[in-house]
PDB file of N, CA and C in Angstrom:
ATOM      1  N   MET A   1       7.642  19.617  -7.341  1.00  0.00           N
ATOM      2  CA  MET A   1       6.820  18.724  -7.076  1.00  0.00           C
ATOM      3  C   MET A   1       6.419  17.275  -8.349  1.00  0.00           C
ATOM      4  N   SER A   2       6.617  18.013  -9.244  1.00  0.00           N
ATOM      5  CA  SER A   2       6.180  17.082 -10.515  1.00  0.00           C
ATOM      6  C   SER A   2       7.606  16.256 -10.858  1.00  0.00           C
ATOM      7  N   SER A   3       8.625  16.311 -10.264  1.00  0.00           N
ATOM      8  CA  SER A   3       9.808  15.354 -10.059  1.00  0.00           C
ATOM      9  C   SER A   3       9.387  14.066  -8.821  1.00  0.00           C
ATOM     10  N   ASN A   4       8.593  14.802  -7.896  1.00  0.00           N
ATOM     11  CA  ASN A   4       8.671  13.508  -7.281  1.00  0.00           C
ATOM     12  C   ASN A   4       7.481  12.870  -7.065  1.00  0.00           C
ATOM     13  N   LEU A   5       6.360  13.426  -7.876  1.00  0.00           N
ATOM     14  CA  LEU A   5       5.442  12.939  -8.591  1.00  0.00           C
ATOM     15  C   LEU A   5       5.942  11.285  -9.761  1.00  0.00           C
ATOM     16  N   HIS A   6       6.994  12.069 -10.805  1.00  0.00           N
ATOM     17  CA  HIS A   6       7.325  11.309 -11.613  1.00  0.00           C
ATOM     18  C   HIS A   6       7.999   9.796 -11.043  1.00  0.00           C
ATOM     19  N   GLU A   7       9.040  10.503  -9.826  1.00  0.00           N
ATOM     20  CA  GLU A   7       9.740   9.428  -9.174  1.00  0.00           C
ATOM     21  C   GLU A   7       8.736   8.663  -8.482  1.00  0.00           C
ATOM     22  N   ALA A   8       7.977   8.801  -7.781  1.00  0.00           N
ATOM     23  CA  ALA A   8       7.074   8.094  -6.740  1.00  0.00           C
ATOM     24  C   ALA A   8       6.323   6.882  -7.852  1.00  0.00           C
ATOM     25  N   SER A   9       5.591   7.571  -9.395  1.00  0.00           N
ATOM     26  CA  SER A   9       5.167   6.740 -10.165  1.00  0.00           C
ATOM     27  C   SER A   9       5.797   5.874 -10.604  1.00  0.00           C
ATOM     28  N   GLU A  10       7.276   5.889 -10.988  1.00  0.00           N
ATOM     29  CA  GLU A  10       7.968   5.229 -11.164  1.00  0.00           C
ATOM     30  C   GLU A  10       8.668   3.983 -10.121  1.00  0.00           C
ATOM     31  N   ARG A  11       8.491   4.528  -8.913  1.00  0.00           N
ATOM     32  CA  ARG A  11       8.825   3.746  -8.291  1.00  0.00           C
ATOM     33  C   ARG A  11       7.599   2.364  -8.016  1.00  0.00           C
ATOM     34  N   LEU A  12       6.938   2.940  -7.458  1.00  0.00           N
ATOM     35  CA  LEU A  12       5.558   2.046  -7.878  1.00  0.00           C
ATOM     36  C   LEU A  12       5.311   1.521  -9.056  1.00  0.00           C
ATOM     37  N   ARG A  13       5.865   1.749 -10.017  1.00  0.00           N
ATOM     38  CA  ARG A  13       5.581   0.631 -11.171  1.00  0.00           C
ATOM     39  C   ARG A  13       6.692  -0.755 -11.249  1.00  0.00           C
ATOM     40  N   GLN A  14       7.665  -0.326 -10.531  1.00  0.00           N
ATOM     41  CA  GLN A  14       8.750  -1.253 -10.232  1.00  0.00           C
ATOM     42  C   GLN A  14       8.271  -2.209  -9.183  1.00  0.00           C
ATOM     43  N   ILE A  15       7.600  -1.682  -8.097  1.00  0.00           N
ATOM     44  CA  ILE A  15       7.379  -2.748  -6.958  1.00  0.00           C
ATOM     45  C   ILE A  15       5.599  -3.517  -7.352  1.00  0.00           C
ATOM     46  N   ARG A  16       4.998  -2.615  -7.675  1.00  0.00           N
ATOM     47  CA  ARG A  16       3.669  -2.898  -7.675  1.00  0.00           C
ATOM     48  C   ARG A  16       3.365  -4.465  -8.225  1.00  0.00           C
ATOM     49  N   PRO A  17       4.508  -5.359  -8.855  1.00  0.00           N
ATOM     50  CA  PRO A  17       4.038  -6.783  -9.233  1.00  0.00           C
ATOM     51  C   PRO A  17       4.157  -7.356  -7.983  1.00  0.00           C
ATOM     52  N   ASP A  18       5.373  -7.097  -7.331  1.00  0.00           N
ATOM     53  CA  ASP A  18       5.748  -8.016  -6.069  1.00  0.00           C
ATOM     54  C   ASP A  18       4.532  -7.709  -5.101  1.00  0.00           C
ATOM     55  N   TYR A  19       3.358  -6.933  -5.018  1.00  0.00           N
ATOM     56  CA  TYR A  19       2.699  -6.845  -4.120  1.00  0.00           C
ATOM     57  C   TYR A  19       1.000  -7.072  -4.439  1.00  0.00           C
ATOM     58  N   ALA A  20       0.850  -7.315  -5.919  1.00  0.00           N
ATOM     59  CA  ALA A  20      -0.441  -7.874  -6.226  1.00  0.00           C
ATOM     60  C   ALA A  20      -1.048  -8.985  -5.616  1.00  0.00           C
ATOM     61  N   TRP A  21      -2.271  -9.345  -5.601  1.00  0.00           N
ATOM     62  CA  TRP A  21      -3.054 -10.184  -5.188  1.00  0.00           C
ATOM     63  C   TRP A  21      -3.257 -11.070  -6.545  1.00  0.00           C
ATOM     64  N   ASP A  22      -2.706 -12.512  -6.083  1.00  0.00           N
ATOM     65  CA  ASP A  22      -2.877 -13.609  -6.744  1.00  0.00           C
ATOM     66  C   ASP A  22      -3.805 -14.787  -6.357  1.00  0.00           C
ATOM     67  N   GLU A  23      -4.943 -15.251  -6.912  1.00  0.00           N
ATOM     68  CA  GLU A  23      -5.194 -16.249  -6.578  1.00  0.00           C
ATOM     69  C   GLU A  23      -4.784 -17.371  -6.446  1.00  0.00           C
ATOM     70  N   ASP A  24      -3.644 -17.958  -7.250  1.00  0.00           N
ATOM     71  CA  ASP A  24      -3.376 -19.208  -7.647  1.00  0.00           C
ATOM     72  C   ASP A  24      -1.956 -19.605  -6.887  1.00  0.00           C
ATOM     73  N   ILE A  25      -1.780 -18.563  -5.689  1.00  0.00           N
ATOM     74  CA  ILE A  25      -0.949 -18.450  -5.022  1.00  0.00           C
ATOM     75  C   ILE A  25      -1.122 -18.905  -3.489  1.00  0.00           C
ATOM     76  N   LEU A  26      -2.747 -19.184  -3.560  1.00  0.00           N
ATOM     77  CA  LEU A  26      -3.435 -19.086  -1.884  1.00  0.00           C
ATOM     78  C   LEU A  26      -2.600 -20.401  -1.594  1.00  0.00           C
ATOM     79  N   ALA A  27      -2.392 -21.417  -1.907  1.00  0.00           N
ATOM     80  CA  ALA A  27      -1.652 -22.828  -1.233  1.00  0.00           C
ATOM     81  C   ALA A  27      -0.317 -22.504  -1.078  1.00  0.00           C
ATOM     82  N   ALA A  28       0.403 -21.432  -1.693  1.00  0.00           N
ATOM     83  CA  ALA A  28       1.930 -21.417  -1.207  1.00  0.00           C
ATOM     84  C   ALA A  28       2.294 -20.377  -0.186  1.00  0.00           C
ATOM     85  N   ASP A  29       1.210 -18.895  -0.018  1.00  0.00           N
ATOM     86  CA  ASP A  29       1.204 -18.131   1.178  1.00  0.00           C
ATOM     87  C   ASP A  29       0.532 -18.377   2.274  1.00  0.00           C
ATOM     88  N   ASP A  30       1.211 -17.492   3.062  1.00  0.00           N
ATOM     89  CA  ASP A  30       0.150 -17.290   4.463  1.00  0.00           C
ATOM     90  C   ASP A  30      -0.842 -16.426   4.367  1.00  0.00           C
ATOM     91  N   THR A  31      -1.973 -16.852   4.568  1.00  0.00           N
ATOM     92  CA  THR A  31      -3.645 -16.638   4.204  1.00  0.00           C
ATOM     93  C   THR A  31      -3.478 -14.942   4.675  1.00  0.00           C
ATOM     94  N   ARG A  32      -3.300 -14.649   5.851  1.00  0.00           N
ATOM     95  CA  ARG A  32      -3.107 -13.227   6.288  1.00  0.00           C
ATOM     96  C   ARG A  32      -2.564 -12.908   5.361  1.00  0.00           C
ATOM     97  N   VAL A  33      -1.424 -12.899   4.871  1.00  0.00           N
ATOM     98  CA  VAL A  33      -0.488 -12.004   3.872  1.00  0.00           C
ATOM     99  C   VAL A  33      -1.767 -11.797   2.497  1.00  0.00           C
ATOM    100  N   ASP A  34      -2.000 -12.951   2.386  1.00  0.00           N
ATOM    101  CA  ASP A  34      -3.456 -13.207   1.471  1.00  0.00           C
ATOM    102  C   ASP A  34      -4.063 -12.475   1.244  1.00  0.00           C
ATOM    103  N   ALA A  35      -5.094 -12.161   2.176  1.00  0.00           N
ATOM    104  CA  ALA A  35      -6.137 -10.976   2.539  1.00  0.00           C
ATOM    105  C   ALA A  35      -5.736  -9.489   2.687  1.00  0.00           C
ATOM    106  N   VAL A  36      -4.550  -9.513   3.277  1.00  0.00           N
ATOM    107  CA  VAL A  36      -4.145  -8.303   2.977  1.00  0.00           C
ATOM    108  C   VAL A  36      -3.883  -7.757   1.257  1.00  0.00           C
ATOM    109  N   LYS A  37      -2.910  -8.707   0.602  1.00  0.00           N
ATOM    110  CA  LYS A  37      -2.835  -8.261  -0.098  1.00  0.00           C
ATOM    111  C   LYS A  37      -3.648  -8.089  -1.505  1.00  0.00           C
ATOM    112  N   CYS A  38      -5.132  -9.113  -1.762  1.00  0.00           N
ATOM    113  CA  CYS A  38      -6.404  -8.897  -1.584  1.00  0.00           C
ATOM    114  C   CYS A  38      -7.193  -7.189  -1.805  1.00  0.00           C
ATOM    115  N   VAL A  39      -7.301  -6.889  -0.315  1.00  0.00           N
ATOM    116  CA  VAL A  39      -7.446  -5.697   0.276  1.00  0.00           C
ATOM    117  C   VAL A  39      -7.009  -4.731  -0.626  1.00  0.00           C
ATOM    118  N   ILE A  40      -5.741  -4.380  -0.768  1.00  0.00           N
ATOM    119  CA  ILE A  40      -4.363  -3.411  -1.293  1.00  0.00           C
ATOM    120  C   ILE A  40      -5.217  -3.723  -2.550  1.00  0.00           C
ATOM    121  N   ASP A  41      -5.633  -4.690  -3.184  1.00  0.00           N
ATOM    122  CA  ASP A  41      -5.727  -4.640  -5.071  1.00  0.00           C
ATOM    123  C   ASP A  41      -6.954  -4.361  -5.387  1.00  0.00           C
ATOM    124  N   ARG A  42      -7.847  -4.868  -4.588  1.00  0.00           N
ATOM    125  CA  ARG A  42      -9.357  -4.966  -5.171  1.00  0.00           C
ATOM    126  C   ARG A  42      -9.952  -3.722  -4.354  1.00  0.00           C
ATOM    127  N   GLN A  43      -9.974  -3.198  -3.053  1.00  0.00           N
ATOM    128  CA  GLN A  43     -10.851  -2.063  -2.268  1.00  0.00           C
ATOM    129  C   GLN A  43     -10.137  -1.188  -2.227  1.00  0.00           C
ATOM    130  N   LEU A  44      -8.781  -1.053  -2.414  1.00  0.00           N
ATOM    131  CA  LEU A  44      -8.147   0.597  -1.899  1.00  0.00           C
ATOM    132  C   LEU A  44      -8.559   0.912  -3.431  1.00  0.00           C
ATOM    133  N   THR A  45      -8.498   2.599  -3.288  1.00  0.00           N
ATOM    134  CA  THR A  45      -8.535   3.366  -4.588  1.00  0.00           C
ATOM    135  C   THR A  45      -7.147   3.909  -4.660  1.00  0.00           C
ATOM    136  N   THR A  46      -7.204   3.961  -6.269  1.00  0.00           N
ATOM    137  CA  THR A  46      -5.493   4.032  -6.530  1.00  0.00           C
ATOM    138  C   THR A  46      -4.736   4.997  -6.112  1.00  0.00           C
ATOM    139  N   ALA A  47      -5.434   6.554  -5.276  1.00  0.00           N
ATOM    140  CA  ALA A  47      -3.890   6.968  -4.146  1.00  0.00           C
ATOM    141  C   ALA A  47      -3.700   6.326  -2.722  1.00  0.00           C
ATOM    142  N   ASP A  48      -4.759   5.569  -2.488  1.00  0.00           N
ATOM    143  CA  ASP A  48      -4.507   5.025  -1.355  1.00  0.00           C
ATOM    144  C   ASP A  48      -3.175   3.779  -1.057  1.00  0.00           C
ATOM    145  N   ARG A  49      -4.051   2.991  -2.648  1.00  0.00           N
ATOM    146  CA  ARG A  49      -3.239   1.981  -3.418  1.00  0.00           C
ATOM    147  C   ARG A  49      -1.421   2.557  -3.305  1.00  0.00           C
ATOM    148  N   THR A  50      -1.462   3.430  -3.751  1.00  0.00           N
ATOM    149  CA  THR A  50       0.072   4.273  -4.467  1.00  0.00           C
ATOM    150  C   THR A  50       0.785   4.351  -2.657  1.00  0.00           C
ATOM    151  N   ILE A  51      -0.082   5.011  -1.918  1.00  0.00           N
ATOM    152  CA  ILE A  51       0.866   5.246  -0.844  1.00  0.00           C
ATOM    153  C   ILE A  51       1.090   4.063   0.090  1.00  0.00           C
ATOM    154  N   ILE A  52       0.359   2.856   0.254  1.00  0.00           N
ATOM    155  CA  ILE A  52       0.869   1.899   0.936  1.00  0.00           C
ATOM    156  C   ILE A  52       1.641   1.343   0.637  1.00  0.00           C
ATOM    157  N   LEU A  53       1.444   1.131  -0.872  1.00  0.00           N
ATOM    158  CA  LEU A  53       2.715   0.287  -1.703  1.00  0.00           C
ATOM    159  C   LEU A  53       3.979   0.958  -1.653  1.00  0.00           C
ATOM    160  N   LEU A  54       4.166   2.443  -1.845  1.00  0.00           N
ATOM    161  CA  LEU A  54       5.216   2.968  -1.735  1.00  0.00           C
ATOM    162  C   LEU A  54       5.701   2.897   0.152  1.00  0.00           C
ATOM    163  N   TYR A  55       5.108   3.000   0.820  1.00  0.00           N
ATOM    164  CA  TYR A  55       5.263   3.006   2.181  1.00  0.00           C
ATOM    165  C   TYR A  55       5.747   1.459   2.496  1.00  0.00           C
ATOM    166  N   ILE A  56       4.954   0.592   1.879  1.00  0.00           N
ATOM    167  CA  ILE A  56       5.682  -0.827   2.732  1.00  0.00           C
ATOM    168  C   ILE A  56       7.111  -1.089   1.904  1.00  0.00           C
ATOM    169  N   ASP A  57       7.177  -0.360   0.661  1.00  0.00           N
ATOM    170  CA  ASP A  57       8.702  -0.774  -0.102  1.00  0.00           C
ATOM    171  C   ASP A  57       9.874   0.285   0.905  1.00  0.00           C
ATOM    172  N   CYS A  58       9.473   1.401   0.975  1.00  0.00           N
ATOM    173  CA  CYS A  58      10.283   2.303   1.551  1.00  0.00           C
ATOM    174  C   CYS A  58      10.388   1.793   3.107  1.00  0.00           C
ATOM    175  N   GLN A  59       9.224   1.867   3.789  1.00  0.00           N
ATOM    176  CA  GLN A  59       9.697   1.567   5.075  1.00  0.00           C
ATOM    177  C   GLN A  59      10.050   3.203   6.188  1.00  0.00           C
ATOM    178  N   SER A  60       9.593   4.299   5.464  1.00  0.00           N
ATOM    179  CA  SER A  60       9.884   4.958   6.099  1.00  0.00           C
ATOM    180  C   SER A  60       8.848   6.393   5.892  1.00  0.00           C
ATOM    181  N   TYR A  61       8.436   6.794   6.896  1.00  0.00           N
ATOM    182  CA  TYR A  61       7.357   8.086   6.566  1.00  0.00           C
ATOM    183  C   TYR A  61       7.907   9.063   6.103  1.00  0.00           C
ATOM    184  N   ARG A  62       9.341   9.201   6.705  1.00  0.00           N
ATOM    185  CA  ARG A  62      10.114  10.549   6.008  1.00  0.00           C
ATOM    186  C   ARG A  62      10.372  10.498   4.243  1.00  0.00           C
ATOM    187  N   GLU A  63      10.509   9.230   3.405  1.00  0.00           N
ATOM    188  CA  GLU A  63      10.656   8.971   2.568  1.00  0.00           C
ATOM    189  C   GLU A  63       9.544   8.662   1.617  1.00  0.00           C
ATOM    190  N   LEU A  64       8.831   8.316   2.213  1.00  0.00           N
ATOM    191  CA  LEU A  64       6.799   8.389   1.710  1.00  0.00           C
ATOM    192  C   LEU A  64       6.942   9.756   1.554  1.00  0.00           C
ATOM    193  N   GLY A  65       6.942  10.791   2.404  1.00  0.00           N
ATOM    194  CA  GLY A  65       6.540  12.332   2.526  1.00  0.00           C
ATOM    195  C   GLY A  65       7.306  12.577   1.134  1.00  0.00           C
ATOM    196  N   ARG A  66       8.491  12.148   1.508  1.00  0.00           N
ATOM    197  CA  ARG A  66       9.710  13.575  -0.093  1.00  0.00           C
ATOM    198  C   ARG A  66       8.720  12.839  -0.959  1.00  0.00           C
ATOM    199  N   LEU A  67       8.990  11.086  -1.339  1.00  0.00           N
ATOM    200  CA  LEU A  67       8.060  11.156  -2.884  1.00  0.00           C
ATOM    201  C   LEU A  67       6.920  11.719  -2.858  1.00  0.00           C
ATOM    202  N   LEU A  68       6.203  11.623  -2.214  1.00  0.00           N
ATOM    203  CA  LEU A  68       4.681  12.255  -2.834  1.00  0.00           C
ATOM    204  C   LEU A  68       4.694  13.825  -2.643  1.00  0.00           C
ATOM    205  N   GLY A  69       5.935  14.357  -1.845  1.00  0.00           N
ATOM    206  CA  GLY A  69       5.392  15.740  -1.382  1.00  0.00           C
ATOM    207  C   GLY A  69       4.512  16.101  -0.369  1.00  0.00           C
ATOM    208  N   PHE A  70       4.581  15.137   0.773  1.00  0.00           N
ATOM    209  CA  PHE A  70       3.803  15.346   1.775  1.00  0.00           C
ATOM    210  C   PHE A  70       4.706  15.322   2.976  1.00  0.00           C
ATOM    211  N   SER A  71       4.384  15.841   4.034  1.00  0.00           N
ATOM    212  CA  SER A  71       5.197  15.930   5.258  1.00  0.00           C
ATOM    213  C   SER A  71       5.194  14.778   5.782  1.00  0.00           C
ATOM    214  N   GLN A  72       6.410  14.553   6.803  1.00  0.00           N
ATOM    215  CA  GLN A  72       6.094  13.023   7.096  1.00  0.00           C
ATOM    216  C   GLN A  72       4.996  12.967   8.356  1.00  0.00           C
ATOM    217  N   THR A  73       4.523  14.026   9.086  1.00  0.00           N
ATOM    218  CA  THR A  73       3.016  13.773   9.993  1.00  0.00           C
ATOM    219  C   THR A  73       2.523  13.404   9.152  1.00  0.00           C
ATOM    220  N   THR A  74       2.166  14.053   7.846  1.00  0.00           N
ATOM    221  CA  THR A  74       0.862  13.585   6.785  1.00  0.00           C
ATOM    222  C   THR A  74       0.952  12.393   6.695  1.00  0.00           C
ATOM    223  N   ALA A  75       2.161  11.862   5.999  1.00  0.00           N
ATOM    224  CA  ALA A  75       2.311  10.572   5.767  1.00  0.00           C
ATOM    225  C   ALA A  75       2.318   9.502   6.587  1.00  0.00           C
ATOM    226  N   TRP A  76       2.762   9.452   7.592  1.00  0.00           N
ATOM    227  CA  TRP A  76       2.220   8.774   9.266  1.00  0.00           C
ATOM    228  C   TRP A  76       0.872   8.948   9.089  1.00  0.00           C
ATOM    229  N   LYS A  77       0.187   9.910   9.036  1.00  0.00           N
ATOM    230  CA  LYS A  77      -1.554   9.920   9.124  1.00  0.00           C
ATOM    231  C   LYS A  77      -1.863   9.035   7.965  1.00  0.00           C
ATOM    232  N   GLU A  78      -2.100   9.094   6.780  1.00  0.00           N
ATOM    233  CA  GLU A  78      -2.211   9.000   5.999  1.00  0.00           C
ATOM    234  C   GLU A  78      -2.074   7.105   5.494  1.00  0.00           C
ATOM    235  N   VAL A  79      -0.736   6.606   6.333  1.00  0.00           N
ATOM    236  CA  VAL A  79      -0.834   5.212   6.100  1.00  0.00           C
ATOM    237  C   VAL A  79      -1.522   4.612   7.397  1.00  0.00           C
ATOM    238  N   ARG A  80      -1.346   5.270   8.575  1.00  0.00           N
ATOM    239  CA  ARG A  80      -2.362   4.680   9.704  1.00  0.00           C
ATOM    240  C   ARG A  80      -4.159   4.845   8.898  1.00  0.00           C
ATOM    241  N   ARG A  81      -4.145   5.677   8.388  1.00  0.00           N
ATOM    242  CA  ARG A  81      -5.709   5.417   7.686  1.00  0.00           C
ATOM    243  C   ARG A  81      -6.095   4.550   6.950  1.00  0.00           C
ATOM    244  N   ILE A  82      -4.992   3.852   6.178  1.00  0.00           N
ATOM    245  CA  ILE A  82      -5.435   2.944   5.400  1.00  0.00           C
ATOM    246  C   ILE A  82      -5.070   1.794   5.967  1.00  0.00           C
ATOM    247  N   ARG A  83      -4.245   1.491   6.709  1.00  0.00           N
ATOM    248  CA  ARG A  83      -3.577   0.737   7.656  1.00  0.00           C
ATOM    249  C   ARG A  83      -5.241   0.145   8.257  1.00  0.00           C
ATOM    250  N   SER A  84      -5.443   1.000   8.862  1.00  0.00           N
ATOM    251  CA  SER A  84      -7.646   0.796   9.653  1.00  0.00           C
ATOM    252  C   SER A  84      -7.997   0.368   8.838  1.00  0.00           C
ATOM    253  N   PHE A  85      -8.165   0.874   7.470  1.00  0.00           N
ATOM    254  CA  PHE A  85      -8.886   0.512   6.377  1.00  0.00           C
ATOM    255  C   PHE A  85      -8.759  -1.177   5.787  1.00  0.00           C
ATOM    256  N   ILE A  86      -8.011  -1.360   6.031  1.00  0.00           N
ATOM    257  CA  ILE A  86      -7.273  -2.970   5.859  1.00  0.00           C
ATOM    258  C   ILE A  86      -7.420  -4.003   6.424  1.00  0.00           C
ATOM    259  N   LEU A  87      -7.203  -3.278   7.514  1.00  0.00           N
ATOM    260  CA  LEU A  87      -8.056  -4.503   8.968  1.00  0.00           C
ATOM    261  C   LEU A  87      -9.114  -4.440   8.929  1.00  0.00           C
ATOM    262  N   LYS A  88      -9.719  -3.142   9.065  1.00  0.00           N
ATOM    263  CA  LYS A  88     -11.451  -3.439   9.222  1.00  0.00           C
ATOM    264  C   LYS A  88     -11.812  -4.691   8.012  1.00  0.00           C
ATOM    265  N   GLN A  89     -11.257  -4.414   6.726  1.00  0.00           N
ATOM    266  CA  GLN A  89     -11.676  -5.085   5.526  1.00  0.00           C
ATOM    267  C   GLN A  89     -11.367  -6.535   5.932  1.00  0.00           C
ATOM    268  N   ILE A  90     -10.094  -6.621   6.715  1.00  0.00           N
ATOM    269  CA  ILE A  90     -10.276  -8.240   6.697  1.00  0.00           C
ATOM    270  C   ILE A  90     -10.823  -8.703   8.038  1.00  0.00           C
ATOM    271  N   ASN A  91     -11.056  -8.181   8.946  1.00  0.00           N
ATOM    272  CA  ASN A  91     -11.961  -8.249  10.034  1.00  0.00           C
ATOM    273  C   ASN A  91     -13.497  -8.752   9.367  1.00  0.00           C
ATOM    274  N   ARG A  92     -13.380  -7.727   9.036  1.00  0.00           N
ATOM    275  CA  ARG A  92     -15.444  -7.657   8.381  1.00  0.00           C
ATOM    276  C   ARG A  92     -15.432  -9.451   7.341  1.00  0.00           C
ATOM    277  N   THR A  93     -14.491  -9.695   6.584  1.00  0.00           N
ATOM    278  CA  THR A  93     -14.298 -10.990   6.326  1.00  0.00           C
ATOM    279  C   THR A  93     -14.041 -11.902   6.675  1.00  0.00           C
ATOM    280  N   LYS A  94     -13.677 -12.074   8.234  1.00  0.00           N
ATOM    281  CA  LYS A  94     -13.424 -13.428   8.681  1.00  0.00           C
ATOM    282  C   LYS A  94     -14.874 -13.821   9.766  1.00  0.00           C
ATOM    283  N   LYS A  95     -15.558 -12.926   9.580  1.00  0.00           N
ATOM    284  CA  LYS A  95     -16.963 -13.253  10.644  1.00  0.00           C
ATOM    285  C   LYS A  95     -17.765 -13.769   9.733  1.00  0.00           C
TER     286      LYS A  95
END
């Protein structure tokens, strides 16, 4: 599992800048994408941020589970829970 954690950490380090929220990009990006990035960067725990960013990058529950030492089912449940939280936060700010 230690090699999985190291591999996941390294992959996250590589992709994290691509998904960071940047208020200076507001005019260039779709506001929906900006809202998602803002929630990911500012409101998720480090663990949840790691899970969702690795999922966004690899687009596979099986691969995500392998990287983090989870089963595919656990990876799916975690991504679903985090997505639900993100959507709730975005809907809350729209009101």
